[in-house]
PDB file of N, CA and C in Angstrom:
ATOM      1  N   MET A   1     155.618 109.554  43.020  1.00  0.00           N
ATOM      2  CA  MET A   1     156.510 110.325  43.857  1.00  0.00           C
ATOM      3  C   MET A   1     156.048 110.246  45.314  1.00  0.00           C
ATOM      4  N   LEU A   2     156.951 109.918  46.197  1.00  0.00           N
ATOM      5  CA  LEU A   2     156.627 109.863  47.613  1.00  0.00           C
ATOM      6  C   LEU A   2     156.804 111.235  48.247  1.00  0.00           C
ATOM      7  N   LEU A   3     155.823 111.608  49.029  1.00  0.00           N
ATOM      8  CA  LEU A   3     155.925 112.867  49.748  1.00  0.00           C
ATOM      9  C   LEU A   3     156.386 112.583  51.170  1.00  0.00           C
ATOM     10  N   ARG A   4     157.242 113.415  51.666  1.00  0.00           N
ATOM     11  CA  ARG A   4     157.699 113.253  53.055  1.00  0.00           C
ATOM     12  C   ARG A   4     156.631 113.800  53.989  1.00  0.00           C
ATOM     13  N   ALA A   5     156.467 113.110  55.094  1.00  0.00           N
ATOM     14  CA  ALA A   5     155.513 113.571  56.100  1.00  0.00           C
ATOM     15  C   ALA A   5     156.044 114.837  56.751  1.00  0.00           C
ATOM     16  N   ARG A   6     155.146 115.788  56.940  1.00  0.00           N
ATOM     17  CA  ARG A   6     155.552 117.011  57.631  1.00  0.00           C
ATOM     18  C   ARG A   6     155.870 116.683  59.082  1.00  0.00           C
ATOM     19  N   PRO A   7     156.839 117.356  59.663  1.00  0.00           N
ATOM     20  CA  PRO A   7     157.146 117.112  61.073  1.00  0.00           C
ATOM     21  C   PRO A   7     155.918 117.371  61.942  1.00  0.00           C
ATOM     22  N   SER A   8     155.689 116.482  62.883  1.00  0.00           N
ATOM     23  CA  SER A   8     154.561 116.630  63.799  1.00  0.00           C
ATOM     24  C   SER A   8     154.933 115.964  65.117  1.00  0.00           C
ATOM     25  N   GLU A   9     155.168 116.767  66.132  1.00  0.00           N
ATOM     26  CA  GLU A   9     155.516 116.218  67.437  1.00  0.00           C
ATOM     27  C   GLU A   9     154.340 115.437  68.012  1.00  0.00           C
ATOM     28  N   GLU A  10     153.122 115.890  67.753  1.00  0.00           N
ATOM     29  CA  GLU A  10     151.927 115.185  68.244  1.00  0.00           C
ATOM     30  C   GLU A  10     151.853 113.772  67.652  1.00  0.00           C
ATOM     31  N   ARG A  11     152.062 113.650  66.357  1.00  0.00           N
ATOM     32  CA  ARG A  11     152.042 112.340  65.692  1.00  0.00           C
ATOM     33  C   ARG A  11     153.164 111.455  66.221  1.00  0.00           C
ATOM     34  N   ASP A  12     154.366 112.009  66.299  1.00  0.00           N
ATOM     35  CA  ASP A  12     155.504 111.229  66.770  1.00  0.00           C
ATOM     36  C   ASP A  12     155.302 110.764  68.214  1.00  0.00           C
ATOM     37  N   ALA A  13     154.729 111.612  69.046  1.00  0.00           N
ATOM     38  CA  ALA A  13     154.452 111.232  70.438  1.00  0.00           C
ATOM     39  C   ALA A  13     153.422 110.109  70.485  1.00  0.00           C
ATOM     40  N   ALA A  14     152.417 110.168  69.621  1.00  0.00           N
ATOM     41  CA  ALA A  14     151.401 109.109  69.568  1.00  0.00           C
ATOM     42  C   ALA A  14     152.039 107.788  69.152  1.00  0.00           C
ATOM     43  N   ILE A  15     152.946 107.834  68.193  1.00  0.00           N
ATOM     44  CA  ILE A  15     153.643 106.619  67.748  1.00  0.00           C
ATOM     45  C   ILE A  15     154.483 106.058  68.888  1.00  0.00           C
ATOM     46  N   ARG A  16     155.200 106.917  69.599  1.00  0.00           N
ATOM     47  CA  ARG A  16     156.012 106.456  70.727  1.00  0.00           C
ATOM     48  C   ARG A  16     155.143 105.798  71.802  1.00  0.00           C
ATOM     49  N   ARG A  17     153.979 106.388  72.105  1.00  0.00           N
ATOM     50  CA  ARG A  17     153.075 105.807  73.106  1.00  0.00           C
ATOM     51  C   ARG A  17     152.630 104.405  72.692  1.00  0.00           C
ATOM     52  N   VAL A  18     152.306 104.238  71.422  1.00  0.00           N
ATOM     53  CA  VAL A  18     151.843 102.941  70.931  1.00  0.00           C
ATOM     54  C   VAL A  18     152.953 101.902  71.030  1.00  0.00           C
ATOM     55  N   VAL A  19     154.159 102.256  70.621  1.00  0.00           N
ATOM     56  CA  VAL A  19     155.276 101.301  70.668  1.00  0.00           C
ATOM     57  C   VAL A  19     155.526 100.869  72.101  1.00  0.00           C
ATOM     58  N   ARG A  20     155.430 101.789  73.047  1.00  0.00           N
ATOM     59  CA  ARG A  20     155.646 101.439  74.456  1.00  0.00           C
ATOM     60  C   ARG A  20     154.604 100.449  74.978  1.00  0.00           C
ATOM     61  N   ARG A  21     153.455 100.377  74.357  1.00  0.00           N
ATOM     62  CA  ARG A  21     152.375  99.488  74.804  1.00  0.00           C
ATOM     63  C   ARG A  21     152.492  98.065  74.258  1.00  0.00           C
ATOM     64  N   ILE A  22     153.445  97.820  73.377  1.00  0.00           N
ATOM     65  CA  ILE A  22     153.636  96.456  72.872  1.00  0.00           C
ATOM     66  C   ILE A  22     154.335  95.669  73.980  1.00  0.00           C
ATOM     67  N   PRO A  23     153.671  94.635  74.511  1.00  0.00           N
ATOM     68  CA  PRO A  23     154.274  93.909  75.638  1.00  0.00           C
ATOM     69  C   PRO A  23     155.451  93.030  75.229  1.00  0.00           C
ATOM     70  N   ARG A  24     156.249  92.736  76.186  1.00  0.00           N
ATOM     71  CA  ARG A  24     157.383  91.817  76.007  1.00  0.00           C
ATOM     72  C   ARG A  24     156.854  90.499  75.446  1.00  0.00           C
ATOM     73  N   GLY A  25     157.548  89.952  74.453  1.00  0.00           N
ATOM     74  CA  GLY A  25     157.140  88.685  73.860  1.00  0.00           C
ATOM     75  C   GLY A  25     156.111  88.812  72.754  1.00  0.00           C
ATOM     76  N   LYS A  26     155.729  90.041  72.410  1.00  0.00           N
ATOM     77  CA  LYS A  26     154.766  90.282  71.336  1.00  0.00           C
ATOM     78  C   LYS A  26     155.378  91.248  70.328  1.00  0.00           C
ATOM     79  N   VAL A  27     154.823  91.278  69.127  1.00  0.00           N
ATOM     80  CA  VAL A  27     155.270  92.206  68.097  1.00  0.00           C
ATOM     81  C   VAL A  27     154.058  92.865  67.450  1.00  0.00           C
ATOM     82  N   ALA A  28     154.308  93.949  66.751  1.00  0.00           N
ATOM     83  CA  ALA A  28     153.309  94.623  65.935  1.00  0.00           C
ATOM     84  C   ALA A  28     154.003  95.080  64.659  1.00  0.00           C
ATOM     85  N   THR A  29     153.240  95.210  63.603  1.00  0.00           N
ATOM     86  CA  THR A  29     153.827  95.671  62.349  1.00  0.00           C
ATOM     87  C   THR A  29     153.878  97.203  62.334  1.00  0.00           C
ATOM     88  N   TYR A  30     154.700  97.737  61.445  1.00  0.00           N
ATOM     89  CA  TYR A  30     154.778  99.191  61.291  1.00  0.00           C
ATOM     90  C   TYR A  30     153.397  99.762  61.003  1.00  0.00           C
ATOM     91  N   GLY A  31     152.641  99.077  60.147  1.00  0.00           N
ATOM     92  CA  GLY A  31     151.296  99.536  59.796  1.00  0.00           C
ATOM     93  C   GLY A  31     150.346  99.505  60.979  1.00  0.00           C
ATOM     94  N   GLN A  32     150.419  98.468  61.805  1.00  0.00           N
ATOM     95  CA  GLN A  32     149.581  98.389  62.997  1.00  0.00           C
ATOM     96  C   GLN A  32     149.881  99.529  63.959  1.00  0.00           C
ATOM     97  N   VAL A  33     151.161  99.805  64.150  1.00  0.00           N
ATOM     98  CA  VAL A  33     151.561 100.881  65.053  1.00  0.00           C
ATOM     99  C   VAL A  33     151.019 102.211  64.544  1.00  0.00           C
ATOM    100  N   ALA A  34     151.187 102.466  63.263  1.00  0.00           N
ATOM    101  CA  ALA A  34     150.702 103.723  62.683  1.00  0.00           C
ATOM    102  C   ALA A  34     149.192 103.853  62.860  1.00  0.00           C
ATOM    103  N   ALA A  35     148.455 102.784  62.572  1.00  0.00           N
ATOM    104  CA  ALA A  35     146.996 102.819  62.683  1.00  0.00           C
ATOM    105  C   ALA A  35     146.569 103.016  64.138  1.00  0.00           C
ATOM    106  N   ALA A  36     147.206 102.308  65.073  1.00  0.00           N
ATOM    107  CA  ALA A  36     146.852 102.437  66.489  1.00  0.00           C
ATOM    108  C   ALA A  36     147.159 103.839  67.008  1.00  0.00           C
ATOM    109  N   ALA A  37     148.138 104.493  66.413  1.00  0.00           N
ATOM    110  CA  ALA A  37     148.486 105.858  66.813  1.00  0.00           C
ATOM    111  C   ALA A  37     147.526 106.883  66.223  1.00  0.00           C
ATOM    112  N   GLY A  38     146.664 106.424  65.309  1.00  0.00           N
ATOM    113  CA  GLY A  38     145.711 107.337  64.683  1.00  0.00           C
ATOM    114  C   GLY A  38     146.174 107.882  63.347  1.00  0.00           C
ATOM    115  N   TYR A  39     147.227 107.299  62.789  1.00  0.00           N
ATOM    116  CA  TYR A  39     147.796 107.751  61.521  1.00  0.00           C
ATOM    117  C   TYR A  39     148.010 106.544  60.605  1.00  0.00           C
ATOM    118  N   PRO A  40     146.921 105.944  60.100  1.00  0.00           N
ATOM    119  CA  PRO A  40     147.022 104.654  59.405  1.00  0.00           C
ATOM    120  C   PRO A  40     147.892 104.626  58.158  1.00  0.00           C
ATOM    121  N   LEU A  41     148.164 105.735  57.549  1.00  0.00           N
ATOM    122  CA  LEU A  41     148.992 105.732  56.335  1.00  0.00           C
ATOM    123  C   LEU A  41     150.435 106.141  56.604  1.00  0.00           C
ATOM    124  N   TYR A  42     150.832 106.176  57.858  1.00  0.00           N
ATOM    125  CA  TYR A  42     152.153 106.698  58.219  1.00  0.00           C
ATOM    126  C   TYR A  42     153.117 105.614  58.710  1.00  0.00           C
ATOM    127  N   HIS A  43     153.072 104.437  58.119  1.00  0.00           N
ATOM    128  CA  HIS A  43     153.981 103.368  58.552  1.00  0.00           C
ATOM    129  C   HIS A  43     155.442 103.744  58.354  1.00  0.00           C
ATOM    130  N   ARG A  44     155.734 104.531  57.332  1.00  0.00           N
ATOM    131  CA  ARG A  44     157.128 104.964  57.129  1.00  0.00           C
ATOM    132  C   ARG A  44     157.579 105.918  58.234  1.00  0.00           C
ATOM    133  N   GLN A  45     156.650 106.691  58.758  1.00  0.00           N
ATOM    134  CA  GLN A  45     156.995 107.601  59.849  1.00  0.00           C
ATOM    135  C   GLN A  45     157.335 106.819  61.111  1.00  0.00           C
ATOM    136  N   VAL A  46     156.709 105.659  61.290  1.00  0.00           N
ATOM    137  CA  VAL A  46     157.029 104.799  62.442  1.00  0.00           C
ATOM    138  C   VAL A  46     158.515 104.454  62.401  1.00  0.00           C
ATOM    139  N   VAL A  47     159.011 104.132  61.221  1.00  0.00           N
ATOM    140  CA  VAL A  47     160.431 103.813  61.056  1.00  0.00           C
ATOM    141  C   VAL A  47     161.290 104.991  61.512  1.00  0.00           C
ATOM    142  N   GLN A  48     160.929 106.189  61.090  1.00  0.00           N
ATOM    143  CA  GLN A  48     161.712 107.375  61.447  1.00  0.00           C
ATOM    144  C   GLN A  48     161.699 107.628  62.952  1.00  0.00           C
ATOM    145  N   VAL A  49     160.538 107.465  63.577  1.00  0.00           N
ATOM    146  CA  VAL A  49     160.438 107.674  65.031  1.00  0.00           C
ATOM    147  C   VAL A  49     161.312 106.659  65.763  1.00  0.00           C
ATOM    148  N   LEU A  50     161.265 105.395  65.335  1.00  0.00           N
ATOM    149  CA  LEU A  50     162.083 104.365  65.978  1.00  0.00           C
ATOM    150  C   LEU A  50     163.569 104.645  65.787  1.00  0.00           C
ATOM    151  N   ARG A  51     163.931 105.091  64.611  1.00  0.00           N
ATOM    152  CA  ARG A  51     165.338 105.387  64.325  1.00  0.00           C
ATOM    153  C   ARG A  51     165.845 106.502  65.232  1.00  0.00           C
ATOM    154  N   LYS A  52     165.037 107.548  65.413  1.00  0.00           N
ATOM    155  CA  LYS A  52     165.437 108.673  66.260  1.00  0.00           C
ATOM    156  C   LYS A  52     165.502 108.291  67.734  1.00  0.00           C
ATOM    157  N   ALA A  53     164.591 107.419  68.163  1.00  0.00           N
ATOM    158  CA  ALA A  53     164.486 107.088  69.583  1.00  0.00           C
ATOM    159  C   ALA A  53     165.577 106.143  70.065  1.00  0.00           C
ATOM    160  N   GLY A  54     166.118 105.337  69.165  1.00  0.00           N
ATOM    161  CA  GLY A  54     167.149 104.382  69.576  1.00  0.00           C
ATOM    162  C   GLY A  54     166.618 103.429  70.630  1.00  0.00           C
ATOM    163  N   ASP A  55     167.411 103.173  71.653  1.00  0.00           N
ATOM    164  CA  ASP A  55     167.029 102.225  72.694  1.00  0.00           C
ATOM    165  C   ASP A  55     166.050 102.798  73.712  1.00  0.00           C
ATOM    166  N   ALA A  56     165.585 104.022  73.505  1.00  0.00           N
ATOM    167  CA  ALA A  56     164.588 104.599  74.406  1.00  0.00           C
ATOM    168  C   ALA A  56     163.221 103.929  74.223  1.00  0.00           C
ATOM    169  N   LEU A  57     163.035 103.234  73.114  1.00  0.00           N
ATOM    170  CA  LEU A  57     161.805 102.495  72.831  1.00  0.00           C
ATOM    171  C   LEU A  57     162.146 101.030  72.566  1.00  0.00           C
ATOM    172  N   PRO A  58     161.190 100.129  72.791  1.00  0.00           N
ATOM    173  CA  PRO A  58     161.424  98.718  72.468  1.00  0.00           C
ATOM    174  C   PRO A  58     161.269  98.477  70.961  1.00  0.00           C
ATOM    175  N   TRP A  59     162.162  99.030  70.180  1.00  0.00           N
ATOM    176  CA  TRP A  59     162.101  99.027  68.714  1.00  0.00           C
ATOM    177  C   TRP A  59     162.069  97.622  68.139  1.00  0.00           C
ATOM    178  N   GLN A  60     162.655  96.667  68.840  1.00  0.00           N
ATOM    179  CA  GLN A  60     162.729  95.312  68.317  1.00  0.00           C
ATOM    180  C   GLN A  60     161.350  94.685  68.169  1.00  0.00           C
ATOM    181  N   ARG A  61     160.347  95.212  68.837  1.00  0.00           N
ATOM    182  CA  ARG A  61     159.001  94.638  68.804  1.00  0.00           C
ATOM    183  C   ARG A  61     158.189  95.097  67.605  1.00  0.00           C
ATOM    184  N   VAL A  62     158.761  95.908  66.747  1.00  0.00           N
ATOM    185  CA  VAL A  62     158.055  96.380  65.554  1.00  0.00           C
ATOM    186  C   VAL A  62     158.701  95.742  64.331  1.00  0.00           C
ATOM    187  N   VAL A  63     157.881  95.032  63.561  1.00  0.00           N
ATOM    188  CA  VAL A  63     158.370  94.282  62.402  1.00  0.00           C
ATOM    189  C   VAL A  63     157.588  94.666  61.154  1.00  0.00           C
ATOM    190  N   GLY A  64     158.064  94.204  60.027  1.00  0.00           N
ATOM    191  CA  GLY A  64     157.388  94.456  58.767  1.00  0.00           C
ATOM    192  C   GLY A  64     156.165  93.566  58.600  1.00  0.00           C
ATOM    193  N   ALA A  65     155.433  93.833  57.544  1.00  0.00           N
ATOM    194  CA  ALA A  65     154.239  93.048  57.230  1.00  0.00           C
ATOM    195  C   ALA A  65     154.599  91.570  57.134  1.00  0.00           C
ATOM    196  N   GLY A  66     153.733  90.730  57.629  1.00  0.00           N
ATOM    197  CA  GLY A  66     153.982  89.301  57.583  1.00  0.00           C
ATOM    198  C   GLY A  66     155.031  88.819  58.559  1.00  0.00           C
ATOM    199  N   GLY A  67     155.473  89.702  59.457  1.00  0.00           N
ATOM    200  CA  GLY A  67     156.463  89.313  60.458  1.00  0.00           C
ATOM    201  C   GLY A  67     157.904  89.428  60.003  1.00  0.00           C
ATOM    202  N   ALA A  68     158.130  90.070  58.874  1.00  0.00           N
ATOM    203  CA  ALA A  68     159.488  90.193  58.335  1.00  0.00           C
ATOM    204  C   ALA A  68     160.313  91.206  59.119  1.00  0.00           C
ATOM    205  N   ILE A  69     161.557  90.859  59.360  1.00  0.00           N
ATOM    206  CA  ILE A  69     162.508  91.821  59.914  1.00  0.00           C
ATOM    207  C   ILE A  69     163.018  92.634  58.735  1.00  0.00           C
ATOM    208  N   ARG A  70     162.767  93.930  58.775  1.00  0.00           N
ATOM    209  CA  ARG A  70     163.092  94.801  57.647  1.00  0.00           C
ATOM    210  C   ARG A  70     164.477  95.450  57.765  1.00  0.00           C
ATOM    211  N   LEU A  71     165.137  95.259  58.884  1.00  0.00           N
ATOM    212  CA  LEU A  71     166.470  95.830  59.055  1.00  0.00           C
ATOM    213  C   LEU A  71     167.491  95.004  58.285  1.00  0.00           C
ATOM    214  N   LYS A  72     168.663  95.523  58.135  1.00  0.00           N
ATOM    215  CA  LYS A  72     169.715  94.851  57.369  1.00  0.00           C
ATOM    216  C   LYS A  72     170.871  94.426  58.270  1.00  0.00           C
ATOM    217  N   ARG A  73     171.560  93.392  57.839  1.00  0.00           N
ATOM    218  CA  ARG A  73     172.798  92.882  58.426  1.00  0.00           C
ATOM    219  C   ARG A  73     172.786  92.782  59.956  1.00  0.00           C
ATOM    220  N   GLU A  74     173.711  93.476  60.600  1.00  0.00           N
ATOM    221  CA  GLU A  74     173.880  93.346  62.044  1.00  0.00           C
ATOM    222  C   GLU A  74     172.641  93.762  62.817  1.00  0.00           C
ATOM    223  N   MET A  75     171.966  94.793  62.349  1.00  0.00           N
ATOM    224  CA  MET A  75     170.766  95.254  63.055  1.00  0.00           C
ATOM    225  C   MET A  75     169.647  94.218  62.956  1.00  0.00           C
ATOM    226  N   ALA A  76     169.547  93.527  61.826  1.00  0.00           N
ATOM    227  CA  ALA A  76     168.544  92.471  61.682  1.00  0.00           C
ATOM    228  C   ALA A  76     168.830  91.342  62.657  1.00  0.00           C
ATOM    229  N   LEU A  77     170.089  90.970  62.774  1.00  0.00           N
ATOM    230  CA  LEU A  77     170.475  89.915  63.710  1.00  0.00           C
ATOM    231  C   LEU A  77     170.199  90.351  65.144  1.00  0.00           C
ATOM    232  N   GLU A  78     170.531  91.596  65.471  1.00  0.00           N
ATOM    233  CA  GLU A  78     170.278  92.097  66.821  1.00  0.00           C
ATOM    234  C   GLU A  78     168.784  92.086  67.127  1.00  0.00           C
ATOM    235  N   GLN A  79     167.952  92.489  66.157  1.00  0.00           N
ATOM    236  CA  GLN A  79     166.513  92.478  66.391  1.00  0.00           C
ATOM    237  C   GLN A  79     166.022  91.051  66.648  1.00  0.00           C
ATOM    238  N   ARG A  80     166.465  90.123  65.838  1.00  0.00           N
ATOM    239  CA  ARG A  80     166.039  88.730  66.026  1.00  0.00           C
ATOM    240  C   ARG A  80     166.481  88.196  67.384  1.00  0.00           C
ATOM    241  N   LEU A  81     167.725  88.455  67.760  1.00  0.00           N
ATOM    242  CA  LEU A  81     168.224  87.978  69.053  1.00  0.00           C
ATOM    243  C   LEU A  81     167.442  88.589  70.214  1.00  0.00           C
ATOM    244  N   ARG A  82     167.136  89.879  70.138  1.00  0.00           N
ATOM    245  CA  ARG A  82     166.350  90.529  71.190  1.00  0.00           C
ATOM    246  C   ARG A  82     164.958  89.910  71.281  1.00  0.00           C
ATOM    247  N   LEU A  83     164.344  89.665  70.126  1.00  0.00           N
ATOM    248  CA  LEU A  83     163.006  89.067  70.133  1.00  0.00           C
ATOM    249  C   LEU A  83     163.033  87.643  70.674  1.00  0.00           C
ATOM    250  N   GLU A  84     164.016  86.864  70.251  1.00  0.00           N
ATOM    251  CA  GLU A  84     164.128  85.496  70.765  1.00  0.00           C
ATOM    252  C   GLU A  84     164.342  85.493  72.274  1.00  0.00           C
ATOM    253  N   ALA A  85     165.113  86.461  72.775  1.00  0.00           N
ATOM    254  CA  ALA A  85     165.350  86.564  74.215  1.00  0.00           C
ATOM    255  C   ALA A  85     164.054  86.878  74.968  1.00  0.00           C
ATOM    256  N   GLU A  86     163.093  87.502  74.289  1.00  0.00           N
ATOM    257  CA  GLU A  86     161.793  87.804  74.887  1.00  0.00           C
ATOM    258  C   GLU A  86     160.805  86.651  74.705  1.00  0.00           C
ATOM    259  N   GLY A  87     161.228  85.583  74.015  1.00  0.00           N
ATOM    260  CA  GLY A  87     160.353  84.435  73.818  1.00  0.00           C
ATOM    261  C   GLY A  87     159.572  84.434  72.523  1.00  0.00           C
ATOM    262  N   VAL A  88     159.887  85.341  71.618  1.00  0.00           N
ATOM    263  CA  VAL A  88     159.195  85.399  70.330  1.00  0.00           C
ATOM    264  C   VAL A  88     159.705  84.261  69.449  1.00  0.00           C
ATOM    265  N   ARG A  89     158.781  83.542  68.849  1.00  0.00           N
ATOM    266  CA  ARG A  89     159.129  82.422  67.965  1.00  0.00           C
ATOM    267  C   ARG A  89     159.149  82.867  66.505  1.00  0.00           C
ATOM    268  N   PHE A  90     159.983  82.179  65.747  1.00  0.00           N
ATOM    269  CA  PHE A  90     160.130  82.474  64.320  1.00  0.00           C
ATOM    270  C   PHE A  90     159.769  81.246  63.495  1.00  0.00           C
ATOM    271  N   ARG A  91     159.338  81.493  62.272  1.00  0.00           N
ATOM    272  CA  ARG A  91     159.171  80.458  61.243  1.00  0.00           C
ATOM    273  C   ARG A  91     160.099  80.892  60.116  1.00  0.00           C
ATOM    274  N   GLY A  92     161.236  80.265  60.054  1.00  0.00           N
ATOM    275  CA  GLY A  92     162.240  80.703  59.083  1.00  0.00           C
ATOM    276  C   GLY A  92     162.763  82.061  59.482  1.00  0.00           C
ATOM    277  N   SER A  93     162.705  83.011  58.573  1.00  0.00           N
ATOM    278  CA  SER A  93     163.228  84.352  58.846  1.00  0.00           C
ATOM    279  C   SER A  93     162.159  85.316  59.346  1.00  0.00           C
ATOM    280  N   ARG A  94     160.917  84.847  59.501  1.00  0.00           N
ATOM    281  CA  ARG A  94     159.817  85.720  59.916  1.00  0.00           C
ATOM    282  C   ARG A  94     159.289  85.355  61.294  1.00  0.00           C
ATOM    283  N   VAL A  95     158.793  86.357  61.990  1.00  0.00           N
ATOM    284  CA  VAL A  95     158.141  86.115  63.271  1.00  0.00           C
ATOM    285  C   VAL A  95     156.878  85.302  63.008  1.00  0.00           C
ATOM    286  N   ASP A  96     156.629  84.308  63.849  1.00  0.00           N
ATOM    287  CA  ASP A  96     155.404  83.515  63.765  1.00  0.00           C
ATOM    288  C   ASP A  96     154.279  84.370  64.353  1.00  0.00           C
ATOM    289  N   LEU A  97     153.591  85.112  63.489  1.00  0.00           N
ATOM    290  CA  LEU A  97     152.602  86.076  63.953  1.00  0.00           C
ATOM    291  C   LEU A  97     151.374  85.440  64.591  1.00  0.00           C
ATOM    292  N   ALA A  98     151.126  84.174  64.317  1.00  0.00           N
ATOM    293  CA  ALA A  98     149.913  83.531  64.836  1.00  0.00           C
ATOM    294  C   ALA A  98     149.753  83.737  66.342  1.00  0.00           C
ATOM    295  N   GLY A  99     150.796  83.560  67.101  1.00  0.00           N
ATOM    296  CA  GLY A  99     150.681  83.726  68.547  1.00  0.00           C
ATOM    297  C   GLY A  99     151.491  84.873  69.095  1.00  0.00           C
ATOM    298  N   GLN A 100     152.180  85.578  68.246  1.00  0.00           N
ATOM    299  CA  GLN A 100     153.113  86.611  68.709  1.00  0.00           C
ATOM    300  C   GLN A 100     152.655  88.035  68.425  1.00  0.00           C
ATOM    301  N   GLN A 101     151.615  88.184  67.593  1.00  0.00           N
ATOM    302  CA  GLN A 101     151.202  89.526  67.188  1.00  0.00           C
ATOM    303  C   GLN A 101     150.329  90.163  68.263  1.00  0.00           C
ATOM    304  N   HIS A 102     150.697  91.368  68.664  1.00  0.00           N
ATOM    305  CA  HIS A 102     149.936  92.097  69.681  1.00  0.00           C
ATOM    306  C   HIS A 102     148.675  92.666  69.054  1.00  0.00           C
ATOM    307  N   ALA A 103     147.557  92.531  69.753  1.00  0.00           N
ATOM    308  CA  ALA A 103     146.295  93.122  69.314  1.00  0.00           C
ATOM    309  C   ALA A 103     146.047  94.369  70.152  1.00  0.00           C
ATOM    310  N   PHE A 104     146.068  95.518  69.508  1.00  0.00           N
ATOM    311  CA  PHE A 104     145.840  96.771  70.222  1.00  0.00           C
ATOM    312  C   PHE A 104     144.357  96.892  70.555  1.00  0.00           C
ATOM    313  N   ARG A 105     144.076  97.291  71.784  1.00  0.00           N
ATOM    314  CA  ARG A 105     142.704  97.565  72.212  1.00  0.00           C
ATOM    315  C   ARG A 105     142.610  99.072  72.399  1.00  0.00           C
ATOM    316  N   MET A 106     141.838  99.706  71.567  1.00  0.00           N
ATOM    317  CA  MET A 106     141.831 101.163  71.521  1.00  0.00           C
ATOM    318  C   MET A 106     141.392 101.794  72.842  1.00  0.00           C
ATOM    319  N   TRP A 107     140.542 101.113  73.627  1.00  0.00           N
ATOM    320  CA  TRP A 107     140.121 101.695  74.894  1.00  0.00           C
ATOM    321  C   TRP A 107     141.278 101.807  75.887  1.00  0.00           C
ATOM    322  N   GLU A 108     142.363 101.070  75.659  1.00  0.00           N
ATOM    323  CA  GLU A 108     143.532 101.151  76.540  1.00  0.00           C
ATOM    324  C   GLU A 108     144.314 102.448  76.325  1.00  0.00           C
ATOM    325  N   PHE A 109     144.049 103.144  75.222  1.00  0.00           N
ATOM    326  CA  PHE A 109     144.812 104.341  74.903  1.00  0.00           C
ATOM    327  C   PHE A 109     144.219 105.593  75.517  1.00  0.00           C
ATOM    328  N   GLU A 110     143.049 105.487  76.064  1.00  0.00           N
ATOM    329  CA  GLU A 110     142.434 106.658  76.667  1.00  0.00           C
ATOM    330  C   GLU A 110     143.136 106.966  77.985  1.00  0.00           C
ATOM    331  N   ASP A 111     143.640 108.164  78.085  1.00  0.00           N
ATOM    332  CA  ASP A 111     144.368 108.564  79.312  1.00  0.00           C
ATOM    333  C   ASP A 111     143.461 109.250  80.292  1.00  0.00           C
TER     334      ASP A 111
END
């Protein structure tokens, strides 16, 4: 049985900060974003934060494990087109993570 994460503005704000730090032309996985935000088991919450934020965040830069686009139909196509416009390369249906995956440096998060 999956338990829903309790609402936490602090956690959601941390996730938003991390997503904003993914540079143009790079991607990060949902799990990477959650871990960089300090909540390594909350990859599903990353999805919820992105869904709520809409275009206020660069949502297209967050992909599934292995570079998979996890969205469906039109949204999947829109994500791919946005990423390609930023210079992100694909291998088949997945982002080529070898040169496209952002490496978070934790010292950059200190305000």
